């Protein structure tokens, strides 16, 4: 699962993100999510992808644009290789 919280100002919120799960130099799975439009801690559950060496998050759209980012971003339940 992934847990996230937007920054406190709604002027800095992402809308859609793409998440790439990597094992060394190979993408093993790509997922896309539409994020909630609120400042709460939110959880997204998804099917496990297996052992990964890294995770990369890309914003593909935003609710607004000033200085976008997360105040919290956690990936839970993964075995890192």
C-alpha atoms as a PDB file:
ATOM      1  CA  UNK A   1       0.000   0.000   0.000  1.00  0.00           C
ATOM      2  CA  UNK A   2       0.957   3.620  -0.286  1.00  0.00           C
ATOM      3  CA  UNK A   3       0.096   6.288   2.299  1.00  0.00           C
ATOM      4  CA  UNK A   4       0.299   9.946   1.420  1.00  0.00           C
ATOM      5  CA  UNK A   5      -0.658  13.374   2.636  1.00  0.00           C
ATOM      6  CA  UNK A   6      -0.703  16.465   0.474  1.00  0.00           C
ATOM      7  CA  UNK A   7       0.879  19.634   1.761  1.00  0.00           C
ATOM      8  CA  UNK A   8      -1.423  21.835   3.845  1.00  0.00           C
ATOM      9  CA  UNK A   9      -2.031  24.408   1.090  1.00  0.00           C
ATOM     10  CA  UNK A  10      -4.375  23.172  -1.653  1.00  0.00           C
ATOM     11  CA  UNK A  11      -2.292  25.274  -4.048  1.00  0.00           C
ATOM     12  CA  UNK A  12       0.421  22.538  -3.893  1.00  0.00           C
ATOM     13  CA  UNK A  13      -1.564  19.341  -4.550  1.00  0.00           C
ATOM     14  CA  UNK A  14      -0.918  16.685  -7.173  1.00  0.00           C
ATOM     15  CA  UNK A  15      -3.927  15.129  -8.914  1.00  0.00           C
ATOM     16  CA  UNK A  16      -2.634  12.126 -10.874  1.00  0.00           C
ATOM     17  CA  UNK A  17       0.603  10.242 -10.347  1.00  0.00           C
ATOM     18  CA  UNK A  18       2.401   7.406 -12.085  1.00  0.00           C
ATOM     19  CA  UNK A  19       4.408   5.050  -9.894  1.00  0.00           C
ATOM     20  CA  UNK A  20       7.154   2.883 -11.414  1.00  0.00           C
ATOM     21  CA  UNK A  21       8.482  -0.078  -9.438  1.00  0.00           C
ATOM     22  CA  UNK A  22      12.042  -1.002 -10.396  1.00  0.00           C
ATOM     23  CA  UNK A  23      14.281  -4.011  -9.954  1.00  0.00           C
ATOM     24  CA  UNK A  24      17.748  -2.705 -10.777  1.00  0.00           C
ATOM     25  CA  UNK A  25      17.423  -1.179 -14.284  1.00  0.00           C
ATOM     26  CA  UNK A  26      14.091  -2.800 -15.205  1.00  0.00           C
ATOM     27  CA  UNK A  27      10.594  -1.467 -14.557  1.00  0.00           C
ATOM     28  CA  UNK A  28       8.617  -4.426 -13.229  1.00  0.00           C
ATOM     29  CA  UNK A  29       5.275  -2.652 -12.837  1.00  0.00           C
ATOM     30  CA  UNK A  30       3.704   0.754 -13.454  1.00  0.00           C
ATOM     31  CA  UNK A  31       0.572   1.939 -11.647  1.00  0.00           C
ATOM     32  CA  UNK A  32      -1.405   5.165 -11.955  1.00  0.00           C
ATOM     33  CA  UNK A  33      -3.479   6.782  -9.225  1.00  0.00           C
ATOM     34  CA  UNK A  34      -5.789   9.763  -8.906  1.00  0.00           C
ATOM     35  CA  UNK A  35      -5.154  11.321  -5.506  1.00  0.00           C
ATOM     36  CA  UNK A  36      -7.856  12.588  -3.173  1.00  0.00           C
ATOM     37  CA  UNK A  37      -8.410  16.325  -3.115  1.00  0.00           C
ATOM     38  CA  UNK A  38      -7.887  16.785   0.627  1.00  0.00           C
ATOM     39  CA  UNK A  39      -5.122  17.250   3.223  1.00  0.00           C
ATOM     40  CA  UNK A  40      -5.851  14.037   5.157  1.00  0.00           C
ATOM     41  CA  UNK A  41      -3.619  10.974   5.329  1.00  0.00           C
ATOM     42  CA  UNK A  42      -4.898   8.742   2.524  1.00  0.00           C
ATOM     43  CA  UNK A  43      -4.172   5.083   1.802  1.00  0.00           C
ATOM     44  CA  UNK A  44      -4.209   3.327  -1.566  1.00  0.00           C
ATOM     45  CA  UNK A  45      -4.122  -0.466  -1.595  1.00  0.00           C
ATOM     46  CA  UNK A  46      -2.971  -2.395  -4.646  1.00  0.00           C
ATOM     47  CA  UNK A  47      -1.804  -5.845  -5.663  1.00  0.00           C
ATOM     48  CA  UNK A  48       1.759  -6.588  -4.494  1.00  0.00           C
ATOM     49  CA  UNK A  49       4.418  -6.241  -7.150  1.00  0.00           C
ATOM     50  CA  UNK A  50       7.161  -8.411  -5.615  1.00  0.00           C
ATOM     51  CA  UNK A  51      10.675  -7.431  -4.549  1.00  0.00           C
ATOM     52  CA  UNK A  52      11.806  -4.031  -5.833  1.00  0.00           C
ATOM     53  CA  UNK A  53      15.022  -2.040  -5.638  1.00  0.00           C
ATOM     54  CA  UNK A  54      13.427   1.396  -6.053  1.00  0.00           C
ATOM     55  CA  UNK A  55      10.157   3.256  -6.520  1.00  0.00           C
ATOM     56  CA  UNK A  56       9.798   6.395  -8.635  1.00  0.00           C
ATOM     57  CA  UNK A  57       6.794   8.714  -8.452  1.00  0.00           C
ATOM     58  CA  UNK A  58       5.917  11.096 -11.288  1.00  0.00           C
ATOM     59  CA  UNK A  59       3.175  13.734 -11.149  1.00  0.00           C
ATOM     60  CA  UNK A  60       1.169  13.647 -14.384  1.00  0.00           C
ATOM     61  CA  UNK A  61      -1.396  16.312 -13.449  1.00  0.00           C
ATOM     62  CA  UNK A  62      -2.103  18.716 -10.594  1.00  0.00           C
ATOM     63  CA  UNK A  63      -5.086  20.322  -8.878  1.00  0.00           C
ATOM     64  CA  UNK A  64      -3.109  23.558  -8.782  1.00  0.00           C
ATOM     65  CA  UNK A  65       0.513  24.572  -9.204  1.00  0.00           C
ATOM     66  CA  UNK A  66       2.673  26.603  -6.855  1.00  0.00           C
ATOM     67  CA  UNK A  67       5.305  24.461  -5.136  1.00  0.00           C
ATOM     68  CA  UNK A  68       3.824  20.981  -5.410  1.00  0.00           C
ATOM     69  CA  UNK A  69       4.927  18.132  -3.183  1.00  0.00           C
ATOM     70  CA  UNK A  70       3.859  15.770  -0.424  1.00  0.00           C
ATOM     71  CA  UNK A  71       4.149  16.298   3.292  1.00  0.00           C
ATOM     72  CA  UNK A  72       4.149  12.500   3.717  1.00  0.00           C
ATOM     73  CA  UNK A  73       4.714   9.612   1.299  1.00  0.00           C
ATOM     74  CA  UNK A  74       5.186   6.007   2.444  1.00  0.00           C
ATOM     75  CA  UNK A  75       5.306   2.700   0.609  1.00  0.00           C
ATOM     76  CA  UNK A  76       4.501  -0.190   2.948  1.00  0.00           C
ATOM     77  CA  UNK A  77       4.681  -3.936   2.592  1.00  0.00           C
ATOM     78  CA  UNK A  78       7.579  -4.239   0.137  1.00  0.00           C
ATOM     79  CA  UNK A  79      10.642  -6.439   0.228  1.00  0.00           C
ATOM     80  CA  UNK A  80      13.599  -4.461  -1.067  1.00  0.00           C
ATOM     81  CA  UNK A  81      16.229  -6.470  -2.897  1.00  0.00           C
END
